[in-house]
Protein backbone atom coordinates (compact mmCIF):
# COMPACT_ATOMS: atom_id res chain seq x y z
CA GLN A 1 221.09 -14.30 136.30
CA VAL A 2 223.75 -13.22 134.23
CA ASP A 3 227.15 -15.30 133.37
CA PHE A 4 229.94 -13.40 132.61
CA ASP A 5 234.08 -14.39 132.81
CA PHE A 6 236.43 -11.71 133.42
CA VAL A 7 239.64 -11.67 130.67
CA GLU A 8 242.79 -9.79 130.96
CA ARG A 9 244.67 -8.77 127.90
CA ASP A 10 246.61 -5.80 126.12
CA MET A 11 243.59 -4.09 124.12
CA SER A 12 245.90 -3.83 121.32
CA GLU A 13 246.47 -7.18 120.96
CA ALA A 14 243.68 -9.27 118.71
CA PHE A 15 241.12 -10.53 120.61
CA PRO A 16 240.56 -13.91 121.32
CA PHE A 17 236.87 -13.98 120.73
CA PRO A 18 234.85 -15.44 117.48
CA ASP A 19 233.08 -13.42 115.59
CA ASP A 20 229.15 -12.00 116.85
CA SER A 21 230.12 -13.36 120.36
CA PHE A 22 229.08 -10.08 122.22
CA GLU A 23 225.93 -8.50 122.06
CA VAL A 24 227.38 -5.30 124.39
CA VAL A 25 231.19 -3.97 124.92
CA ILE A 26 232.26 -1.93 127.59
CA ASP A 27 235.02 0.26 127.58
CA HIS A 28 235.33 2.18 130.71
CA ARG A 29 238.57 4.76 130.75
CA ALA A 30 240.84 2.86 129.12
CA PHE A 31 240.53 3.37 125.41
CA HIS A 32 242.76 6.62 125.67
CA CYS A 33 245.70 4.24 126.73
CA VAL A 34 245.77 3.43 122.99
CA VAL A 35 248.33 6.38 121.91
CA ASP A 36 248.91 5.13 118.29
CA ALA A 37 246.05 5.72 115.94
CA GLN A 38 247.14 2.25 114.30
CA LYS A 39 246.27 0.58 117.42
CA ARG A 40 243.09 2.34 118.09
CA SER A 41 241.88 1.55 114.56
CA HIS A 42 242.58 -2.03 115.35
CA VAL A 43 240.98 -1.72 119.02
CA LEU A 44 237.84 -1.07 117.32
CA ARG A 45 238.03 -2.94 114.29
CA GLY A 46 238.17 -5.54 116.98
CA ILE A 47 235.40 -4.84 119.26
CA ARG A 48 232.94 -4.56 116.07
CA ARG A 49 234.47 -7.68 114.94
CA VAL A 50 233.33 -9.13 118.28
CA LEU A 51 230.37 -7.43 118.07
CA ARG A 52 227.01 -9.74 117.61
CA PRO A 53 224.90 -7.09 114.82
CA GLY A 54 222.99 -4.79 116.55
CA GLY A 55 225.87 -4.90 119.15
CA PHE A 56 226.52 -2.10 121.75
CA PHE A 57 229.71 -0.30 122.52
CA PHE A 58 229.34 1.75 125.61
CA SER A 59 233.21 4.00 126.05
CA SER A 60 233.90 6.55 128.39
CA THR A 61 237.64 7.77 127.93
CA ILE A 62 239.35 11.05 128.09
CA ALA A 63 239.03 13.19 125.23
CA GLY A 64 240.48 17.23 124.75
CA MET A 65 243.76 18.97 126.42
CA PRO A 66 244.43 18.42 129.76
CA ARG A 67 243.74 21.97 131.19
CA ARG A 68 245.97 22.58 133.83
CA ALA A 69 248.96 23.76 132.76
CA ASP A 70 251.44 21.60 134.52
CA LEU A 71 249.45 18.40 132.77
CA LEU A 72 249.13 20.41 129.66
CA GLY A 73 253.19 20.79 129.29
CA GLU A 74 253.63 17.23 129.23
CA VAL A 75 251.42 16.50 126.44
CA ASN A 76 252.90 16.86 122.55
CA ALA A 77 250.54 18.96 120.98
CA GLU A 78 251.51 17.22 117.56
CA THR A 79 251.04 13.46 118.85
CA ARG A 80 248.59 14.03 121.55
CA SER A 81 249.73 11.95 123.70
CA ASN A 82 251.63 12.39 127.11
CA GLN A 83 255.31 12.28 127.25
CA LEU A 84 255.33 8.59 128.59
CA GLY A 85 253.31 7.74 125.29
CA THR A 86 250.72 6.26 128.21
CA ARG A 87 247.47 8.88 127.07
CA TYR A 88 246.34 9.83 124.18
CA PHE A 89 244.15 13.23 124.55
CA GLY A 90 242.12 12.78 121.35
CA ASP A 91 240.32 15.36 119.87
CA PRO A 92 236.03 14.41 120.68
CA ASP A 93 235.23 14.72 116.44
CA ASP A 94 238.15 12.88 115.74
CA LEU A 95 237.42 10.13 118.35
CA LEU A 96 233.77 9.76 116.62
CA GLU A 97 235.23 9.87 113.64
CA ASP A 98 237.43 6.73 114.41
CA VAL A 99 234.35 4.91 115.77
CA ARG A 100 232.34 5.62 112.93
CA THR A 101 235.46 4.33 109.96
CA ALA A 102 235.29 1.16 112.42
CA GLY A 103 231.82 0.33 111.00
CA PHE A 104 229.50 1.92 114.19
CA GLU A 105 226.51 3.90 113.99
CA LEU A 106 226.31 6.47 116.62
CA MET A 107 223.62 6.10 118.35
CA ALA A 108 224.42 9.47 121.10
CA TYR A 109 227.11 11.08 122.57
CA GLN A 110 228.16 13.38 124.88
CA VAL A 111 231.41 15.74 126.15
CA VAL A 112 231.02 15.85 129.74
CA ARG A 113 232.94 18.89 131.44
CA GLU A 114 235.01 17.22 134.25
CA PRO A 115 235.64 19.33 137.08
CA TYR A 116 239.51 18.93 136.94
CA VAL A 117 241.64 17.97 134.62
CA VAL A 118 240.48 16.88 131.40
CA ASP A 119 236.85 16.21 129.66
CA ASN A 120 235.06 12.88 129.24
CA LEU A 121 233.89 11.25 125.87
CA ILE A 122 230.48 9.20 126.44
CA ILE A 123 229.96 7.02 123.54
CA TYR A 124 226.67 4.92 122.51
CA ALA A 125 227.39 2.82 119.41
CA ARG A 126 225.90 0.13 117.66
CA ALA A 127 227.19 -2.84 115.47
């Protein structure tokens, strides 16, 4: 039996949990919605803070620039964000370095070439 609560919050706000609260933190296709680099760093440090030592962080997020010309035209190449500022199309290597810099040990990662618009970066990391 697993007990859990769902908490809905803005990822870029401070996490309302004590240090070392969780064994696992899962991000499923939300991290790429944090466009600002400082906020992404803040989110990753917050995740690291609430994980117990040896706890796991799993992320599945978009990575790389869109392959469709119509969508690529909507992305600012310098900021790697769309015109609305709601999606970050980070380079996989840069995203992995962000995870390492936040204090995680990368256990495994994979860039999955998606059949439609943009690739998916799968990250398994340990606190």
